[in-house]
Amino acid sequence: MYILILLVALPTLDALAQCAMCRATIENNVSNGEIGIGASLNFGILYLFVMPYLLIGFIGYMWYRNSKSNEKKLQIKRNFTR
């Protein structure tokens, strides 16, 4: 159990260290009048935010469609055996 907690917590520490570097880069570029990198970073954040929800939605849709197909096949089989 403790190993699992360490495996989850350690990568988080490295990720938090990168926030200061990104912020410094964005502030430097914005102060020089370059806003393109900030807009790209915002787009990347939104992309990373939306993708898991789209993936879960797609898997849910496929599961629903597959269950409906199996239900129809089972109904046909029941009608055929009567």
N, C-alpha and C. Protein backbone atom coordinates (compact mmCIF):
# COMPACT_ATOMS: atom_id res chain seq x y z
N MET A 1 0.82 -1.19 0.00
CA MET A 1 0.00 0.00 0.00
C MET A 1 0.87 1.26 0.00
N TYR A 2 1.92 1.26 0.81
CA TYR A 2 2.80 2.43 0.89
C TYR A 2 3.56 2.64 -0.41
N ILE A 3 3.89 1.56 -1.08
CA ILE A 3 4.61 1.66 -2.36
C ILE A 3 3.70 2.32 -3.39
N LEU A 4 2.42 1.95 -3.38
CA LEU A 4 1.47 2.56 -4.32
C LEU A 4 1.34 4.06 -4.08
N ILE A 5 1.28 4.46 -2.83
CA ILE A 5 1.19 5.89 -2.50
C ILE A 5 2.44 6.63 -2.98
N LEU A 6 3.60 6.03 -2.80
CA LEU A 6 4.84 6.66 -3.27
C LEU A 6 4.87 6.76 -4.80
N LEU A 7 4.41 5.72 -5.47
CA LEU A 7 4.40 5.74 -6.93
C LEU A 7 3.45 6.79 -7.48
N VAL A 8 2.40 7.10 -6.75
CA VAL A 8 1.46 8.13 -7.19
C VAL A 8 1.96 9.52 -6.83
N ALA A 9 2.59 9.67 -5.67
CA ALA A 9 2.98 10.99 -5.17
C ALA A 9 4.27 11.52 -5.78
N LEU A 10 5.22 10.68 -6.08
CA LEU A 10 6.52 11.15 -6.56
C LEU A 10 6.46 11.86 -7.91
N PRO A 11 5.75 11.34 -8.91
CA PRO A 11 5.67 12.09 -10.18
C PRO A 11 4.99 13.45 -10.02
N THR A 12 4.12 13.59 -9.05
CA THR A 12 3.43 14.86 -8.82
C THR A 12 4.41 15.93 -8.39
N LEU A 13 5.39 15.56 -7.59
CA LEU A 13 6.38 16.53 -7.13
C LEU A 13 7.19 17.09 -8.30
N ASP A 14 7.57 16.24 -9.24
CA ASP A 14 8.30 16.72 -10.41
C ASP A 14 7.43 17.62 -11.27
N ALA A 15 6.16 17.29 -11.40
CA ALA A 15 5.26 18.11 -12.22
C ALA A 15 5.06 19.48 -11.60
N LEU A 16 4.99 19.57 -10.30
CA LEU A 16 4.80 20.87 -9.65
C LEU A 16 6.03 21.76 -9.83
N ALA A 17 7.18 21.17 -9.97
CA ALA A 17 8.39 21.96 -10.14
C ALA A 17 8.40 22.66 -11.50
N GLN A 18 7.70 22.15 -12.47
CA GLN A 18 7.70 22.73 -13.81
C GLN A 18 6.82 23.98 -13.90
N CYS A 19 5.90 24.14 -12.99
CA CYS A 19 4.97 25.29 -13.04
C CYS A 19 5.72 26.61 -12.97
N ALA A 20 6.73 26.70 -12.12
CA ALA A 20 7.49 27.94 -11.99
C ALA A 20 8.24 28.27 -13.28
N MET A 21 8.75 27.25 -13.94
CA MET A 21 9.47 27.47 -15.19
C MET A 21 8.53 27.97 -16.29
N CYS A 22 7.37 27.36 -16.40
CA CYS A 22 6.39 27.80 -17.40
C CYS A 22 5.93 29.22 -17.12
N ARG A 23 5.66 29.51 -15.87
CA ARG A 23 5.18 30.84 -15.52
C ARG A 23 6.23 31.90 -15.85
N ALA A 24 7.49 31.62 -15.53
CA ALA A 24 8.55 32.58 -15.82
C ALA A 24 8.69 32.80 -17.32
N THR A 25 8.57 31.75 -18.10
CA THR A 25 8.68 31.87 -19.55
C THR A 25 7.52 32.69 -20.11
N ILE A 26 6.32 32.42 -19.64
CA ILE A 26 5.14 33.15 -20.12
C ILE A 26 5.24 34.62 -19.73
N GLU A 27 5.62 34.90 -18.49
CA GLU A 27 5.73 36.30 -18.05
C GLU A 27 6.78 37.05 -18.87
N ASN A 28 7.88 36.39 -19.16
CA ASN A 28 8.93 37.02 -19.96
C ASN A 28 8.43 37.32 -21.37
N ASN A 29 7.73 36.38 -21.98
CA ASN A 29 7.24 36.58 -23.35
C ASN A 29 6.15 37.65 -23.39
N VAL A 30 5.27 37.66 -22.41
CA VAL A 30 4.19 38.65 -22.40
C VAL A 30 4.76 40.05 -22.18
N SER A 31 5.77 40.17 -21.32
CA SER A 31 6.37 41.49 -21.10
C SER A 31 7.09 42.00 -22.35
N ASN A 32 7.51 41.08 -23.22
CA ASN A 32 8.15 41.47 -24.48
C ASN A 32 7.12 41.67 -25.60
N GLY A 33 5.84 41.48 -25.30
CA GLY A 33 4.80 41.70 -26.29
C GLY A 33 4.42 40.47 -27.10
N GLU A 34 4.95 39.31 -26.77
CA GLU A 34 4.63 38.08 -27.49
C GLU A 34 3.58 37.31 -26.70
N ILE A 35 2.34 37.31 -27.21
CA ILE A 35 1.27 36.62 -26.48
C ILE A 35 0.96 35.25 -27.08
N GLY A 36 1.60 34.90 -28.17
CA GLY A 36 1.31 33.63 -28.85
C GLY A 36 1.59 32.41 -28.00
N ILE A 37 2.68 32.45 -27.27
CA ILE A 37 3.04 31.28 -26.45
C ILE A 37 2.05 31.10 -25.30
N GLY A 38 1.54 32.20 -24.76
CA GLY A 38 0.55 32.11 -23.69
C GLY A 38 -0.76 31.52 -24.20
N ALA A 39 -1.17 31.92 -25.39
CA ALA A 39 -2.40 31.38 -25.99
C ALA A 39 -2.23 29.90 -26.30
N SER A 40 -1.06 29.52 -26.76
CA SER A 40 -0.79 28.11 -27.04
C SER A 40 -0.81 27.29 -25.76
N LEU A 41 -0.26 27.84 -24.70
CA LEU A 41 -0.27 27.14 -23.42
C LEU A 41 -1.69 26.96 -22.91
N ASN A 42 -2.52 27.99 -23.05
CA ASN A 42 -3.92 27.88 -22.64
C ASN A 42 -4.66 26.83 -23.46
N PHE A 43 -4.38 26.78 -24.76
CA PHE A 43 -5.00 25.76 -25.61
C PHE A 43 -4.56 24.37 -25.18
N GLY A 44 -3.30 24.21 -24.85
CA GLY A 44 -2.78 22.91 -24.40
C GLY A 44 -3.43 22.47 -23.10
N ILE A 45 -3.65 23.42 -22.21
CA ILE A 45 -4.31 23.09 -20.94
C ILE A 45 -5.74 22.63 -21.20
N LEU A 46 -6.45 23.34 -22.06
CA LEU A 46 -7.83 22.94 -22.38
C LEU A 46 -7.86 21.58 -23.06
N TYR A 47 -6.91 21.33 -23.93
CA TYR A 47 -6.82 20.04 -24.63
C TYR A 47 -6.62 18.90 -23.61
N LEU A 48 -5.71 19.10 -22.69
CA LEU A 48 -5.46 18.07 -21.67
C LEU A 48 -6.66 17.91 -20.74
N PHE A 49 -7.43 18.96 -20.54
CA PHE A 49 -8.60 18.90 -19.67
C PHE A 49 -9.75 18.14 -20.33
N VAL A 50 -9.95 18.33 -21.62
CA VAL A 50 -11.11 17.77 -22.31
C VAL A 50 -10.90 16.32 -22.74
N MET A 51 -9.70 15.94 -23.08
CA MET A 51 -9.45 14.62 -23.65
C MET A 51 -9.92 13.45 -22.77
N PRO A 52 -9.68 13.43 -21.48
CA PRO A 52 -10.18 12.29 -20.70
C PRO A 52 -11.70 12.17 -20.74
N TYR A 53 -12.41 13.30 -20.75
CA TYR A 53 -13.86 13.25 -20.80
C TYR A 53 -14.35 12.73 -22.15
N LEU A 54 -13.69 13.12 -23.22
CA LEU A 54 -14.06 12.60 -24.54
C LEU A 54 -13.81 11.10 -24.62
N LEU A 55 -12.69 10.66 -24.08
CA LEU A 55 -12.36 9.23 -24.10
C LEU A 55 -13.37 8.43 -23.28
N ILE A 56 -13.73 8.90 -22.11
CA ILE A 56 -14.71 8.21 -21.28
C ILE A 56 -16.08 8.20 -21.97
N GLY A 57 -16.44 9.32 -22.59
CA GLY A 57 -17.70 9.38 -23.32
C GLY A 57 -17.73 8.41 -24.48
N PHE A 58 -16.64 8.31 -25.22
CA PHE A 58 -16.57 7.38 -26.36
C PHE A 58 -16.68 5.94 -25.88
N ILE A 59 -15.96 5.60 -24.83
CA ILE A 59 -16.03 4.24 -24.29
C ILE A 59 -17.44 3.93 -23.80
N GLY A 60 -18.07 4.90 -23.13
CA GLY A 60 -19.45 4.70 -22.66
C GLY A 60 -20.42 4.50 -23.82
N TYR A 61 -20.25 5.27 -24.88
CA TYR A 61 -21.11 5.13 -26.06
C TYR A 61 -20.93 3.75 -26.70
N MET A 62 -19.69 3.32 -26.85
CA MET A 62 -19.43 2.01 -27.44
C MET A 62 -20.01 0.89 -26.58
N TRP A 63 -19.89 1.03 -25.27
CA TRP A 63 -20.44 0.04 -24.35
C TRP A 63 -21.97 -0.01 -24.48
N TYR A 64 -22.61 1.15 -24.53
CA TYR A 64 -24.06 1.23 -24.68
C TYR A 64 -24.50 0.60 -25.99
N ARG A 65 -23.81 0.95 -27.06
CA ARG A 65 -24.17 0.41 -28.38
C ARG A 65 -23.99 -1.10 -28.42
N ASN A 66 -22.92 -1.60 -27.80
CA ASN A 66 -22.66 -3.03 -27.78
C ASN A 66 -23.72 -3.75 -26.94
N SER A 67 -24.13 -3.17 -25.83
CA SER A 67 -25.14 -3.81 -24.99
C SER A 67 -26.49 -3.84 -25.70
N LYS A 68 -26.82 -2.80 -26.44
CA LYS A 68 -28.07 -2.80 -27.20
C LYS A 68 -28.04 -3.86 -28.30
N SER A 69 -26.90 -4.01 -28.96
CA SER A 69 -26.75 -5.02 -30.00
C SER A 69 -26.90 -6.42 -29.42
N ASN A 70 -26.26 -6.65 -28.28
CA ASN A 70 -26.37 -7.96 -27.64
C ASN A 70 -27.80 -8.23 -27.18
N GLU A 71 -28.49 -7.20 -26.72
CA GLU A 71 -29.88 -7.35 -26.28
C GLU A 71 -30.77 -7.74 -27.45
N LYS A 72 -30.55 -7.13 -28.62
CA LYS A 72 -31.34 -7.48 -29.81
C LYS A 72 -31.07 -8.91 -30.24
N LYS A 73 -29.79 -9.33 -30.21
CA LYS A 73 -29.45 -10.70 -30.58
C LYS A 73 -30.09 -11.70 -29.63
N LEU A 74 -30.10 -11.38 -28.33
CA LEU A 74 -30.72 -12.25 -27.35
C LEU A 74 -32.22 -12.32 -27.56
N GLN A 75 -32.85 -11.21 -27.91
CA GLN A 75 -34.29 -11.18 -28.16
C GLN A 75 -34.63 -12.03 -29.38
N ILE A 76 -33.81 -11.93 -30.42
CA ILE A 76 -34.04 -12.74 -31.64
C ILE A 76 -33.88 -14.22 -31.30
N LYS A 77 -32.89 -14.55 -30.49
CA LYS A 77 -32.65 -15.95 -30.12
C LYS A 77 -33.83 -16.48 -29.30
N ARG A 78 -34.37 -15.67 -28.39
CA ARG A 78 -35.52 -16.09 -27.59
C ARG A 78 -36.75 -16.33 -28.47
N ASN A 79 -36.97 -15.44 -29.44
CA ASN A 79 -38.11 -15.59 -30.33
C ASN A 79 -37.96 -16.81 -31.24
N PHE A 80 -36.75 -17.12 -31.60
CA PHE A 80 -36.49 -18.25 -32.49
C PHE A 80 -36.70 -19.59 -31.77
N THR A 81 -36.38 -19.65 -30.49
CA THR A 81 -36.48 -20.92 -29.74
C THR A 81 -37.91 -21.20 -29.29
N ARG A 82 -38.83 -20.26 -29.40
CA ARG A 82 -40.22 -20.50 -28.98
C ARG A 82 -40.96 -21.33 -29.93
